[in-house]
Structures are given as C-alpha cells and as structure tokens.
Amino acid sequence: MNDLVRQHTALDDSDLEWLHLLVSEWQLLSDLSFADLVLWVPTLDGTRYVSVAQMRPNTGPTSYQDDMVGHLVPRGRRPMLDAALDEGRIVREGDPEWREEVPVRVESIPVRRDGRVLGVIARNTNLLTVRTPSRLELTYLQSASDLAQMIAVGAFPFPGQQVDMDASPRAGDGLIRLDADGIVQYASPNALSAYHRLGLAADLVGHHLGETTARLAPSRTPVDEGLAKLASGWAPREFEVEANDGVIHLRAIPLKPKGSHIGSLVLLRDVTELRRRERELITKDATIREIHHRVKNNLQTVAALLRLQARRIGSPEGREALEEAVRRVGSIAIVHETLSQNLDERVEFDEIADRVLAMVAEISPGRVAARRTGRFGILDAEVATPLSMVLTELLQNALEHGFGPGEQGTVEVTAVRGGTRRDARLLISVQDDGRGLPEGFDPHRAGNLGLQIVRTLVEGELGGKFDMLPASGQGTRVVLDLPVRAEKP
C-alpha cells in the first residue's frame, strides 16, 4: 500500500498512516457486512482511482476471486465512487452488478480524515446466497452500517488505537450489542457461552453488561467501578476479565454514527485455554532457568573442591592437571549462568567468550594479552556449551605451549558469521604470535589431552572442522568452521 499511495496519489504520510489504521480495523467491517472491501484512492491528477487494499469476509462468500490491489480505474467508469468522493456521503443507489453470473450489491463509503475525503471503500456483497436474515445477521448488518457511517464522518478508526489483529477478538468469536446506557440488546451464542464460562447463570439480554461483568470478577475493590465502565463500552478499550477459572478478552467499540453515542459493540473471545498454556510456559521457563542456575552453582562447587584438592597435591603435574580441570568446569558454568538469565535456550556468546578469555588469561597475568575481534552472535545452548570448552582448551594451549616463562605476546580470537540462512556458518580463529608449532606436528594425531577434547567436540558434537597451522609471520593459528543456526534479521 505504501508504494501504491506514494506512486499514484497526493496523500501525505499522515494520510497514509490513517489508511493503515483503517486497514488494520476493516476486517471487522467486512465480517459484519458479509462483504468484500476494496479501498480506492484518487490518483495525483484526479483522472483515475487506484485500489490500494482489499479485504474478504470470513463470514460469507467473496465477490472477487481475483486480487484487486494495484488496479487503476478511470474516473467516470464507476459513478458510485465519484459520487461518494465528491459528495462525501455513503452511496447505495443502483441495481446489483453481475460478475461471473453472481449478483453483487455495490456500495461506496467515503473515507474521511480531518474534514477531507481521502478515498472510497467499495463494499461488495455477494447476493447469491441471500435469505431471510437471522437476529445475529441483522445485528451484524446494523453494526456494520453504524461503523460505515463513522468512517464516512471521520470518527472511525480511533486515532492512537492500533489494533493487534492476531490478538484482538473478531466478530465470529463473540459479539454483544449495547444501547446507549450499556444495556445488552443482543448477545451472540459464542458471547453468551464465554460469559457462562465466567460463571453467569442467566441470559445477558436486558442486563447492564458493565455491572454484570464487575459482579462476576472475583475482586471487590474500586477496580470494579473501572471494570464496569470499560465493559459498558464508553471508550475504545481492550481488557481481560478472569473469573471462575475462565478468562475472556473483550474489546469495546463505541458507536457514534451521527456524532452522538448510540451504543457500543463489544467483541469478546474466550482465551481461557490460551492463558492456561501461557502460564504453563512461564512456569516451565522459570523451572528451566532455575535448573541452569543450580547446575551453575553445582559446577562452581565442583571447581572449588578441585581447587582445594590441587592445593593438597605435592606433585606439580597433578596440581596443573587439576587446575586445567577447574578451568574446564568453569567454562561450562559460565554458559549455564548465562542461560539462567534468558527466556530461551539461546545465548549471546560474545559475553561468554570474553569471560572465558579473562578466566584463561589468569594463567599468565600481565605476560600475554588476550583479545577478541568480530562477533560470535547468538548461539543455541547445545552449541554454546561445547564451544566454550573448545575455546578454553585452545586459549589454554596457546598460553601454555606458545610462550615460554617470562615471554610476552598476544593471543587473538576472531569470529565471523557467514554462509546463507540455510547453511549458516561460524568461522573462528585463535592466533598467537608465540614460538609456533614443532616440526612435523600433526594436530589430528597429537596425543595432547586438550587437543583430543577439541577434536572430539568440534568434529563429533558440533559437526564442524578443525585445523591447526603455522600463522603468517610467527606463531600458530587454529581455525574452526562450525555450522550454526542463522540469526534472525
């Protein structure tokens, strides 16, 4: 719609925003009318109309099998569009049109904003299945007529009331028509069932909806007065009521077709099961976070015990092995600590990498500088945990074997996200400027425990590739190529 309006019309951004607001609401008008809606806007030179949006009803057969958006119609070909645009009134005159042997009633509704007519809605009703309407259908049609009048005078949609169509109730979910005093004139079967779920034992018709809703709500506080007012439909609002283990989502739409309040529409949806599932998910998320928190605490306890054991061992080799184990346990604990603070099983790995760098750099304080460039991005937990161990092993290996006692240098970790959305890759390099690899060294056959852990995790658990080669100039470079899930744009 943005492209069509800007390419063909003279409407400014505020007018376009009004049309967007209308289009976000007009599924309701289409359903209540049992009709297709097509929004026509006059072109810049005033000689044609361009259709910028279309809506089909959920409550009846369509009048248009084809997509009408983008069509251009010369002025004069559809006199009802001209009359609605020029006179600023709803035009209903004329005989039904025949489209593919289907009779269609056409009406034109001017779209007004701040006293100006921006365009015209063509309302097209398929008359092939016309029959004597029921009470529900009569209520639908009367409500649609009131909304159409409000669009024609610029009173609908409501400014600042952007509607989430996925969450907001629709006409078929449940509809209640109120008079100017908030008394129920009609309640659809779905609406009545929803109120029965809240504990209502009687009918709704003839009762004040606001007071009835407030009585059903469990609290007896000043909130009741506000709830009663909301449910009376005096203002365009969405709210929820919970009672008797049931939850309904309500949306109130004041009706002012001629400027004065004549009543309200209240759309409602029974969301009891949806809210129950949401609570279960919240409980499950909290449980998962608590598990990660406890795992982190347990790992820190294990690390503390290993440190105590290392202090009691006289053998330098044994003490060094336990200290390496402490760092390995610590790298896993960092991941679980991060997961305990998230709502999903994905983590921002850059923070974890920086903490692993700081932890491993404690091996040689002040001698070797460790830094990170590039971005790891967001990774799944099943990738983050083994990768943190791999990073720990590679950094530890670089610091211990790349530099001698007292030697200074640099270790740099570089991360680059690449590939396609179907084949996203994470390319990692760990490069030092130390003494380099021994002659004839084969990283895929080396018996070093750290490298065995790296090979096992990278090739087995992460499904990636691992290589270790001399760096350009001086030192060693380790390269990892890992498949990862693509980040959301």
Protein backbone atom coordinates (compact mmCIF):
# COMPACT_ATOMS: atom_id res chain seq x y z
CA MET A 1 0.00 0.00 0.00
CA ASN A 2 2.84 2.41 0.78
CA ASP A 3 4.28 2.08 -2.72
CA LEU A 4 0.91 2.49 -4.45
CA VAL A 5 -0.08 5.55 -2.43
CA ARG A 6 3.28 7.28 -2.88
CA GLN A 7 3.49 6.44 -6.58
CA HIS A 8 -0.04 7.34 -7.69
CA THR A 9 -1.62 9.73 -5.15
CA ALA A 10 -1.14 13.09 -3.48
CA LEU A 11 -1.65 11.79 0.07
CA ASP A 12 1.00 12.69 2.66
CA ASP A 13 2.48 10.45 5.37
CA SER A 14 -0.18 11.35 7.96
CA ASP A 15 -2.93 10.44 5.48
CA LEU A 16 -1.15 7.18 4.70
CA GLU A 17 -0.94 6.41 8.42
CA TRP A 18 -4.72 6.94 8.68
CA LEU A 19 -5.27 4.46 5.84
CA HIS A 20 -3.02 1.94 7.60
CA LEU A 21 -5.08 2.40 10.77
CA LEU A 22 -8.28 1.85 8.78
CA VAL A 23 -6.94 -1.27 7.07
CA SER A 24 -5.87 -2.70 10.44
CA GLU A 25 -9.52 -2.39 11.55
CA TRP A 26 -11.61 -3.11 8.49
CA GLN A 27 -11.71 -6.91 8.82
CA LEU A 28 -14.43 -6.16 11.37
CA LEU A 29 -16.43 -4.10 8.86
CA SER A 30 -16.01 -6.81 6.22
CA ASP A 31 -17.20 -9.57 8.57
CA LEU A 32 -20.17 -7.58 9.88
CA SER A 33 -21.18 -6.65 6.33
CA PHE A 34 -20.68 -10.17 4.87
CA ALA A 35 -18.96 -8.22 2.08
CA ASP A 36 -15.66 -7.64 0.27
CA LEU A 37 -13.99 -4.28 0.76
CA VAL A 38 -11.75 -2.53 -1.75
CA LEU A 39 -10.11 0.79 -0.91
CA TRP A 40 -9.90 3.18 -3.89
CA VAL A 41 -7.81 6.36 -3.75
CA PRO A 42 -7.89 9.09 -6.44
CA THR A 43 -4.66 9.49 -8.39
CA LEU A 44 -2.50 12.61 -8.34
CA ASP A 45 -4.06 14.06 -11.49
CA GLY A 46 -7.60 13.21 -10.37
CA THR A 47 -8.45 11.29 -13.54
CA ARG A 48 -8.34 7.76 -12.12
CA TYR A 49 -8.65 5.65 -8.97
CA VAL A 50 -6.06 3.15 -7.74
CA SER A 51 -7.02 0.25 -5.45
CA VAL A 52 -4.53 0.16 -2.59
CA ALA A 53 -6.03 -2.52 -0.29
CA GLN A 54 -8.59 -5.33 -0.31
CA MET A 55 -10.32 -7.43 2.35
CA ARG A 56 -12.51 -10.53 2.03
CA PRO A 57 -15.07 -11.54 4.69
CA ASN A 58 -14.71 -14.52 7.00
CA THR A 59 -18.48 -14.67 7.36
CA GLY A 60 -19.66 -15.08 3.76
CA PRO A 61 -18.68 -15.79 0.13
CA THR A 62 -16.36 -13.41 -1.65
CA SER A 63 -17.39 -11.19 -4.55
CA TYR A 64 -13.88 -11.01 -6.00
CA GLN A 65 -11.99 -14.12 -6.98
CA ASP A 66 -9.05 -12.02 -8.21
CA ASP A 67 -6.74 -9.70 -6.32
CA MET A 68 -7.83 -6.12 -6.98
CA VAL A 69 -4.86 -4.35 -5.38
CA GLY A 70 -2.99 -2.20 -7.89
CA HIS A 71 -5.85 -1.90 -10.39
CA LEU A 72 -6.43 1.50 -11.99
CA VAL A 73 -9.95 2.63 -12.97
CA PRO A 74 -10.72 5.83 -14.94
CA ARG A 75 -12.95 8.35 -13.21
CA GLY A 76 -16.48 8.10 -14.60
CA ARG A 77 -16.47 4.34 -15.10
CA ARG A 78 -17.82 3.74 -11.59
CA PRO A 79 -20.26 6.59 -10.85
CA MET A 80 -20.82 5.47 -7.25
CA LEU A 81 -17.12 6.05 -6.48
CA ASP A 82 -17.36 9.52 -8.00
CA ALA A 83 -20.49 10.39 -6.01
CA ALA A 84 -19.04 9.17 -2.69
CA LEU A 85 -15.78 11.07 -3.29
CA ASP A 86 -17.38 14.32 -4.50
CA GLU A 87 -20.37 14.44 -2.11
CA GLY A 88 -18.72 12.81 0.92
CA ARG A 89 -21.68 10.51 1.60
CA ILE A 90 -22.42 6.79 1.51
CA VAL A 91 -23.87 5.86 -1.87
CA ARG A 92 -26.18 2.84 -2.08
CA GLU A 93 -28.22 3.57 -5.19
CA GLY A 94 -28.18 1.36 -8.26
CA ASP A 95 -29.03 -2.17 -9.28
CA PRO A 96 -26.85 -5.16 -8.40
CA GLU A 97 -23.93 -5.85 -10.71
CA TRP A 98 -23.47 -9.28 -12.28
CA ARG A 99 -19.98 -10.79 -12.04
CA GLU A 100 -19.48 -14.27 -13.47
CA GLU A 101 -23.23 -14.99 -13.09
CA VAL A 102 -23.16 -13.79 -9.46
CA PRO A 103 -25.29 -10.77 -8.42
CA VAL A 104 -23.27 -8.31 -6.35
CA ARG A 105 -24.61 -5.31 -4.42
CA VAL A 106 -22.13 -2.42 -4.51
CA GLU A 107 -21.96 0.46 -2.04
CA SER A 108 -19.41 3.26 -1.71
CA ILE A 109 -18.24 4.60 1.66
CA PRO A 110 -16.11 7.78 1.74
CA VAL A 111 -13.02 7.64 3.97
CA ARG A 112 -12.81 10.95 5.79
CA ARG A 113 -9.99 12.41 7.86
CA ASP A 114 -9.96 15.94 9.31
CA GLY A 115 -12.77 17.02 7.02
CA ARG A 116 -11.13 15.69 3.83
CA VAL A 117 -12.18 12.61 1.84
CA LEU A 118 -9.01 10.57 1.25
CA GLY A 119 -10.60 7.76 -0.73
CA VAL A 120 -13.61 5.48 -1.06
CA ILE A 121 -14.31 1.97 0.22
CA ALA A 122 -16.30 -0.10 -2.27
CA ARG A 123 -18.38 -2.60 -0.29
CA ASN A 124 -19.36 -5.58 -2.48
CA THR A 125 -21.88 -8.11 -1.19
CA ASN A 126 -22.39 -11.46 -2.90
CA LEU A 127 -26.20 -11.87 -3.18
CA LEU A 128 -26.17 -15.44 -4.46
CA THR A 129 -26.96 -16.90 -1.03
CA VAL A 130 -29.35 -14.19 0.17
CA ARG A 131 -32.06 -15.48 2.52
CA THR A 132 -34.14 -14.21 5.41
CA PRO A 133 -31.51 -12.94 7.90
CA SER A 134 -31.37 -14.22 11.47
CA ARG A 135 -31.22 -11.99 14.56
CA LEU A 136 -27.44 -12.37 14.60
CA GLU A 137 -27.13 -11.34 10.94
CA LEU A 138 -29.43 -8.35 11.45
CA THR A 139 -27.28 -7.24 14.38
CA TYR A 140 -24.16 -7.67 12.26
CA LEU A 141 -25.61 -5.60 9.42
CA GLN A 142 -26.86 -2.81 11.71
CA SER A 143 -23.45 -2.64 13.40
CA ALA A 144 -21.72 -2.55 10.01
CA SER A 145 -23.99 0.31 8.93
CA ASP A 146 -23.06 2.27 12.07
CA LEU A 147 -19.33 1.69 11.51
CA ALA A 148 -19.66 2.74 7.86
CA GLN A 149 -21.32 5.99 8.94
CA MET A 150 -18.48 6.60 11.40
CA ILE A 151 -15.88 6.05 8.64
CA ALA A 152 -17.78 8.49 6.42
CA VAL A 153 -17.66 11.26 9.06
CA GLY A 154 -14.07 10.51 10.17
CA ALA A 155 -14.96 9.04 13.58
CA PHE A 156 -13.58 5.57 12.86
CA PRO A 157 -10.96 4.18 13.19
CA PHE A 158 -9.98 5.64 16.56
CA PRO A 159 -6.71 7.63 16.45
CA GLY A 160 -3.94 6.10 18.56
CA GLN A 161 -5.78 2.79 18.90
CA GLN A 162 -3.64 0.49 16.74
CA VAL A 163 -5.19 -2.98 16.93
CA ASP A 164 -3.26 -6.24 17.00
CA MET A 165 -5.50 -8.27 14.72
CA ASP A 166 -3.91 -11.56 15.81
CA ALA A 167 -4.77 -10.96 19.47
CA SER A 168 -7.93 -8.86 19.19
CA PRO A 169 -11.28 -10.72 19.16
CA ARG A 170 -13.22 -10.89 15.90
CA ALA A 171 -16.94 -10.76 15.24
CA GLY A 172 -17.25 -14.55 14.97
CA ASP A 173 -15.56 -15.08 18.36
CA GLY A 174 -18.40 -13.37 20.18
CA LEU A 175 -20.36 -10.13 19.78
CA ILE A 176 -22.53 -8.11 22.15
CA ARG A 177 -24.56 -5.07 21.11
CA LEU A 178 -25.26 -2.48 23.83
CA ASP A 179 -27.59 0.50 23.86
CA ALA A 180 -26.54 3.99 24.96
CA ASP A 181 -27.00 3.05 28.63
CA GLY A 182 -24.85 -0.08 28.43
CA ILE A 183 -27.81 -2.48 28.44
CA VAL A 184 -27.35 -5.64 26.35
CA GLN A 185 -29.60 -5.63 23.30
CA TYR A 186 -28.13 -8.74 21.71
CA ALA A 187 -25.50 -11.33 22.61
CA SER A 188 -24.30 -13.92 20.10
CA PRO A 189 -24.23 -17.60 21.17
CA ASN A 190 -20.42 -17.53 21.43
CA ALA A 191 -20.54 -14.42 23.61
CA LEU A 192 -23.12 -15.99 25.90
CA SER A 193 -21.03 -19.17 26.19
CA ALA A 194 -17.99 -17.11 27.16
CA TYR A 195 -19.91 -15.39 29.95
CA HIS A 196 -21.27 -18.73 31.14
CA ARG A 197 -17.61 -19.80 31.42
CA LEU A 198 -17.13 -16.88 33.82
CA GLY A 199 -19.98 -18.13 35.99
CA LEU A 200 -23.03 -16.32 34.61
CA ALA A 201 -26.13 -18.47 35.10
CA ALA A 202 -28.68 -16.21 33.37
CA ASP A 203 -29.08 -14.57 29.96
CA LEU A 204 -27.27 -11.32 29.13
CA VAL A 205 -30.01 -9.56 27.18
CA GLY A 206 -31.65 -6.81 29.22
CA HIS A 207 -28.83 -6.62 31.78
CA HIS A 208 -26.19 -3.92 32.20
CA LEU A 209 -23.03 -5.51 30.82
CA GLY A 210 -20.61 -3.45 32.90
CA GLU A 211 -22.32 -4.19 36.21
CA THR A 212 -22.76 -7.86 35.30
CA THR A 213 -19.08 -8.19 34.38
CA ALA A 214 -17.95 -6.44 37.56
CA ARG A 215 -20.08 -8.78 39.69
CA LEU A 216 -18.52 -11.82 38.05
CA ALA A 217 -14.97 -10.58 38.68
CA PRO A 218 -13.55 -12.07 41.91
CA SER A 219 -12.22 -8.84 43.44
CA ARG A 220 -14.37 -6.42 45.37
CA THR A 221 -12.23 -3.31 45.12
CA PRO A 222 -12.54 0.13 43.49
CA VAL A 223 -11.32 -1.60 40.31
CA ASP A 224 -14.90 -2.87 39.92
CA GLU A 225 -16.10 0.62 39.07
CA GLY A 226 -13.47 0.97 36.33
CA LEU A 227 -14.26 -2.52 35.02
CA ALA A 228 -17.95 -1.73 34.89
CA LYS A 229 -17.23 1.42 32.88
CA LEU A 230 -14.93 -0.39 30.46
CA ALA A 231 -17.44 -3.17 29.84
CA SER A 232 -20.16 -0.58 29.24
CA GLY A 233 -18.36 0.42 26.05
CA TRP A 234 -17.97 4.14 26.71
CA ALA A 235 -14.42 4.21 25.38
CA PRO A 236 -12.45 2.17 22.80
CA ARG A 237 -10.52 -0.23 25.02
CA GLU A 238 -9.30 -3.82 25.21
CA PHE A 239 -9.19 -5.64 28.52
CA GLU A 240 -9.48 -9.08 30.09
CA VAL A 241 -11.76 -10.44 32.77
CA GLU A 242 -10.93 -13.53 34.79
CA ALA A 243 -13.46 -15.33 36.96
CA ASN A 244 -14.49 -18.88 37.84
CA ASP A 245 -11.26 -20.21 36.25
CA GLY A 246 -12.29 -18.63 32.94
CA VAL A 247 -10.68 -15.73 31.06
CA ILE A 248 -12.29 -13.65 28.33
CA HIS A 249 -10.66 -10.92 26.25
CA LEU A 250 -13.01 -8.04 25.46
CA ARG A 251 -12.81 -5.13 23.06
CA ALA A 252 -15.26 -2.23 23.37
CA ILE A 253 -16.11 -0.08 20.33
CA PRO A 254 -18.33 2.97 20.98
CA LEU A 255 -20.82 3.63 18.19
CA LYS A 256 -21.30 7.28 17.20
CA PRO A 257 -22.56 7.22 13.60
CA LYS A 258 -24.04 10.73 13.77
CA GLY A 259 -21.76 12.24 16.41
CA SER A 260 -23.72 11.19 19.50
CA HIS A 261 -23.25 7.95 21.43
CA ILE A 262 -26.00 5.48 20.47
CA GLY A 263 -24.47 2.32 21.94
CA SER A 264 -21.46 0.05 21.68
CA LEU A 265 -20.14 -3.11 20.17
CA VAL A 266 -18.28 -5.46 22.47
CA LEU A 267 -16.25 -8.18 20.79
CA LEU A 268 -15.02 -10.96 23.03
CA ARG A 269 -13.04 -14.16 22.86
CA ASP A 270 -12.72 -17.00 25.35
CA VAL A 271 -8.94 -17.15 25.98
CA THR A 272 -9.04 -19.47 28.99
CA GLU A 273 -7.00 -22.25 27.41
CA LEU A 274 -4.57 -19.79 25.83
CA ARG A 275 -3.84 -18.13 29.19
CA ARG A 276 -3.52 -21.52 30.88
CA ARG A 277 -0.90 -22.57 28.33
CA GLU A 278 0.92 -19.24 28.72
CA ARG A 279 1.09 -19.78 32.48
CA GLU A 280 2.43 -23.28 31.92
CA LEU A 281 5.11 -21.90 29.61
CA ILE A 282 6.04 -19.21 32.13
CA THR A 283 6.31 -21.86 34.85
CA LYS A 284 8.36 -24.07 32.53
CA ASP A 285 10.68 -21.18 31.62
CA ALA A 286 11.19 -20.35 35.28
CA THR A 287 11.92 -24.00 36.04
CA ILE A 288 14.48 -24.24 33.23
CA ARG A 289 16.20 -21.05 34.39
CA GLU A 290 16.30 -22.38 37.95
CA ILE A 291 17.82 -25.65 36.73
CA HIS A 292 20.55 -23.76 34.85
CA HIS A 293 21.18 -21.67 37.98
CA ARG A 294 21.53 -24.77 40.16
CA VAL A 295 23.77 -26.50 37.60
CA LYS A 296 25.99 -23.41 37.60
CA ASN A 297 26.14 -23.46 41.42
CA ASN A 298 26.96 -27.17 41.45
CA LEU A 299 29.71 -26.70 38.86
CA GLN A 300 31.19 -23.87 40.90
CA THR A 301 31.14 -26.16 43.94
CA VAL A 302 32.96 -28.86 41.94
CA ALA A 303 35.53 -26.29 40.81
CA ALA A 304 36.07 -25.16 44.40
CA LEU A 305 36.60 -28.77 45.52
CA LEU A 306 39.11 -29.32 42.72
CA ARG A 307 41.00 -26.19 43.79
CA LEU A 308 41.16 -27.48 47.37
CA GLN A 309 42.39 -30.83 46.11
CA ALA A 310 45.02 -29.13 43.92
CA ARG A 311 46.44 -27.28 46.93
CA ARG A 312 46.94 -30.56 48.80
CA ILE A 313 48.78 -32.33 45.98
CA GLY A 314 52.54 -32.12 46.12
CA SER A 315 53.12 -33.18 42.52
CA PRO A 316 53.33 -30.16 40.14
CA GLU A 317 51.91 -32.28 37.29
CA GLY A 318 48.93 -33.33 39.38
CA ARG A 319 48.30 -29.77 40.56
CA GLU A 320 48.45 -28.48 36.97
CA ALA A 321 46.02 -31.17 35.77
CA LEU A 322 43.50 -30.24 38.46
CA GLU A 323 43.83 -26.55 37.64
CA GLU A 324 43.10 -27.34 34.00
CA ALA A 325 40.02 -29.27 35.12
CA VAL A 326 38.93 -26.24 37.16
CA ARG A 327 39.06 -24.06 34.06
CA ARG A 328 37.12 -26.61 32.00
CA VAL A 329 34.39 -26.82 34.62
CA GLY A 330 34.39 -23.03 34.90
CA SER A 331 33.81 -22.54 31.17
CA ILE A 332 30.71 -24.74 31.32
CA ALA A 333 29.48 -22.90 34.43
CA ILE A 334 29.69 -19.59 32.54
CA VAL A 335 27.30 -20.92 29.87
CA HIS A 336 24.78 -22.15 32.46
CA GLU A 337 24.96 -18.82 34.28
CA THR A 338 24.09 -17.02 31.04
CA LEU A 339 21.28 -19.48 30.27
CA SER A 340 19.80 -18.94 33.74
CA GLN A 341 19.19 -15.29 32.80
CA ASN A 342 17.49 -15.94 29.44
CA LEU A 343 13.94 -16.86 28.44
CA ASP A 344 15.06 -19.27 25.72
CA GLU A 345 17.83 -21.77 25.17
CA ARG A 346 19.95 -19.33 23.15
CA VAL A 347 22.77 -17.13 24.41
CA GLU A 348 24.79 -14.13 23.24
CA PHE A 349 28.13 -15.91 23.01
CA ASP A 350 30.32 -12.79 22.83
CA GLU A 351 29.87 -12.22 26.56
CA ILE A 352 30.77 -15.86 27.26
CA ALA A 353 33.86 -15.65 25.03
CA ASP A 354 35.07 -12.53 26.83
CA ARG A 355 34.66 -14.19 30.23
CA VAL A 356 36.49 -17.31 29.02
CA LEU A 357 39.30 -15.06 27.76
CA ALA A 358 39.54 -13.36 31.15
CA MET A 359 39.47 -16.68 33.01
CA VAL A 360 42.18 -18.33 30.91
CA ALA A 361 44.35 -15.18 30.91
CA GLU A 362 44.78 -15.68 34.65
CA ILE A 363 47.31 -18.40 33.72
CA SER A 364 49.82 -15.74 32.68
CA PRO A 365 48.79 -12.43 34.27
CA GLY A 366 50.44 -9.49 32.54
CA ARG A 367 52.58 -11.61 30.19
CA VAL A 368 50.24 -12.38 27.30
CA ALA A 369 47.42 -10.10 26.16
CA ALA A 370 44.24 -11.88 25.02
CA ARG A 371 41.61 -10.08 22.94
CA ARG A 372 38.57 -10.79 20.76
CA THR A 373 37.62 -9.31 17.38
CA GLY A 374 34.47 -9.95 15.39
CA ARG A 375 31.20 -11.30 16.71
CA PHE A 376 30.07 -14.80 17.64
CA GLY A 377 26.43 -13.72 17.85
CA ILE A 378 23.55 -15.68 19.34
CA LEU A 379 24.06 -19.44 19.60
CA ASP A 380 21.95 -22.35 20.76
CA ALA A 381 22.79 -23.83 24.15
CA GLU A 382 23.84 -27.14 22.59
CA VAL A 383 26.45 -25.21 20.58
CA ALA A 384 27.48 -22.73 23.27
CA THR A 385 28.42 -25.30 25.92
CA PRO A 386 30.89 -27.38 23.86
CA LEU A 387 32.20 -24.26 22.11
CA SER A 388 33.04 -22.64 25.43
CA MET A 389 35.09 -25.74 26.32
CA VAL A 390 36.80 -25.72 22.91
CA LEU A 391 37.68 -22.04 23.32
CA THR A 392 39.04 -22.70 26.81
CA GLU A 393 41.24 -25.54 25.57
CA LEU A 394 42.59 -23.56 22.61
CA LEU A 395 43.40 -20.48 24.69
CA GLN A 396 44.95 -22.57 27.42
CA ASN A 397 47.02 -24.46 24.85
CA ALA A 398 48.20 -21.21 23.21
CA LEU A 399 49.23 -19.64 26.51
CA GLU A 400 50.96 -22.73 27.88
CA HIS A 401 52.73 -24.02 24.76
CA GLY A 402 53.09 -20.90 22.61
CA PHE A 403 55.08 -18.85 25.11
CA GLY A 404 57.93 -19.69 27.43
CA PRO A 405 58.35 -18.44 31.02
CA GLY A 406 58.56 -14.66 31.06
CA GLU A 407 57.83 -14.28 27.35
CA GLN A 408 55.31 -11.67 26.25
CA GLY A 409 52.90 -11.85 23.34
CA THR A 410 49.32 -11.71 22.09
CA VAL A 411 46.52 -14.19 21.55
CA GLU A 412 43.66 -13.02 19.35
CA VAL A 413 40.27 -14.73 18.94
CA THR A 414 38.41 -13.79 15.75
CA ALA A 415 34.80 -14.76 14.97
CA VAL A 416 32.89 -14.23 11.72
CA ARG A 417 29.30 -15.23 10.91
CA GLY A 418 28.80 -16.21 7.27
CA GLY A 419 27.07 -18.50 4.82
CA THR A 420 23.40 -18.47 3.87
CA ARG A 421 20.26 -18.76 6.01
CA ARG A 422 20.08 -22.45 5.05
CA ASP A 423 23.79 -23.04 5.60
CA ALA A 424 24.89 -20.51 8.22
CA ARG A 425 28.48 -20.90 9.39
CA LEU A 426 30.60 -19.59 12.24
CA LEU A 427 34.29 -19.20 11.38
CA ILE A 428 36.62 -18.90 14.38
CA SER A 429 40.37 -18.46 14.54
CA VAL A 430 42.64 -18.46 17.59
CA GLN A 431 46.02 -17.00 16.67
CA ASP A 432 49.09 -16.32 18.79
CA ASP A 433 52.48 -14.79 17.99
CA GLY A 434 54.41 -17.31 20.06
CA ARG A 435 57.06 -19.87 19.23
CA GLY A 436 54.92 -21.78 16.68
CA LEU A 437 54.39 -25.49 16.05
CA PRO A 438 57.13 -28.13 16.40
CA GLU A 439 58.43 -29.51 13.14
CA GLY A 440 56.35 -32.39 11.84
CA PHE A 441 53.48 -31.66 14.26
CA ASP A 442 50.11 -33.16 13.19
CA PRO A 443 47.17 -31.69 15.18
CA HIS A 444 44.88 -34.55 14.10
CA ARG A 445 47.15 -37.18 15.66
CA ALA A 446 48.60 -35.34 18.64
CA GLY A 447 48.09 -37.10 21.94
CA ASN A 448 47.68 -33.90 23.98
CA LEU A 449 44.51 -34.18 26.10
CA GLY A 450 43.41 -30.64 25.30
CA LEU A 451 43.63 -31.20 21.54
CA GLN A 452 41.83 -34.53 21.88
CA ILE A 453 39.00 -32.72 23.64
CA VAL A 454 38.93 -30.06 20.88
CA ARG A 455 38.84 -32.64 18.08
CA THR A 456 36.12 -34.67 19.77
CA LEU A 457 33.89 -31.67 20.47
CA VAL A 458 34.39 -29.87 17.14
CA GLU A 459 34.13 -32.84 14.79
CA GLY A 460 31.85 -35.07 16.83
CA GLU A 461 29.47 -32.89 18.83
CA LEU A 462 29.48 -29.66 16.80
CA GLY A 463 29.77 -31.28 13.36
CA GLY A 464 32.45 -28.82 12.28
CA LYS A 465 36.02 -28.77 11.00
CA PHE A 466 39.23 -28.16 12.93
CA ASP A 467 42.74 -27.35 11.76
CA MET A 468 45.96 -26.03 13.30
CA LEU A 469 48.64 -24.45 11.12
CA PRO A 470 51.54 -22.00 11.29
CA ALA A 471 50.49 -18.37 11.38
CA SER A 472 51.79 -15.96 8.77
CA GLY A 473 54.94 -14.46 10.19
CA GLN A 474 55.17 -16.06 13.62
CA GLY A 475 53.08 -18.21 15.92
CA THR A 476 50.20 -20.64 15.50
CA ARG A 477 46.72 -20.31 14.06
CA VAL A 478 43.81 -22.60 14.87
CA VAL A 479 40.81 -22.47 12.55
CA LEU A 480 37.29 -23.74 13.34
CA ASP A 481 34.42 -23.93 10.82
CA LEU A 482 31.09 -24.69 12.55
CA PRO A 483 27.52 -25.00 11.27
CA VAL A 484 25.13 -22.82 13.29
CA ARG A 485 21.53 -21.69 13.15
CA ALA A 486 21.09 -18.41 11.28
CA GLU A 487 20.38 -15.34 13.39
CA LYS A 488 17.04 -13.63 12.99
CA PRO A 489 17.29 -10.41 10.95
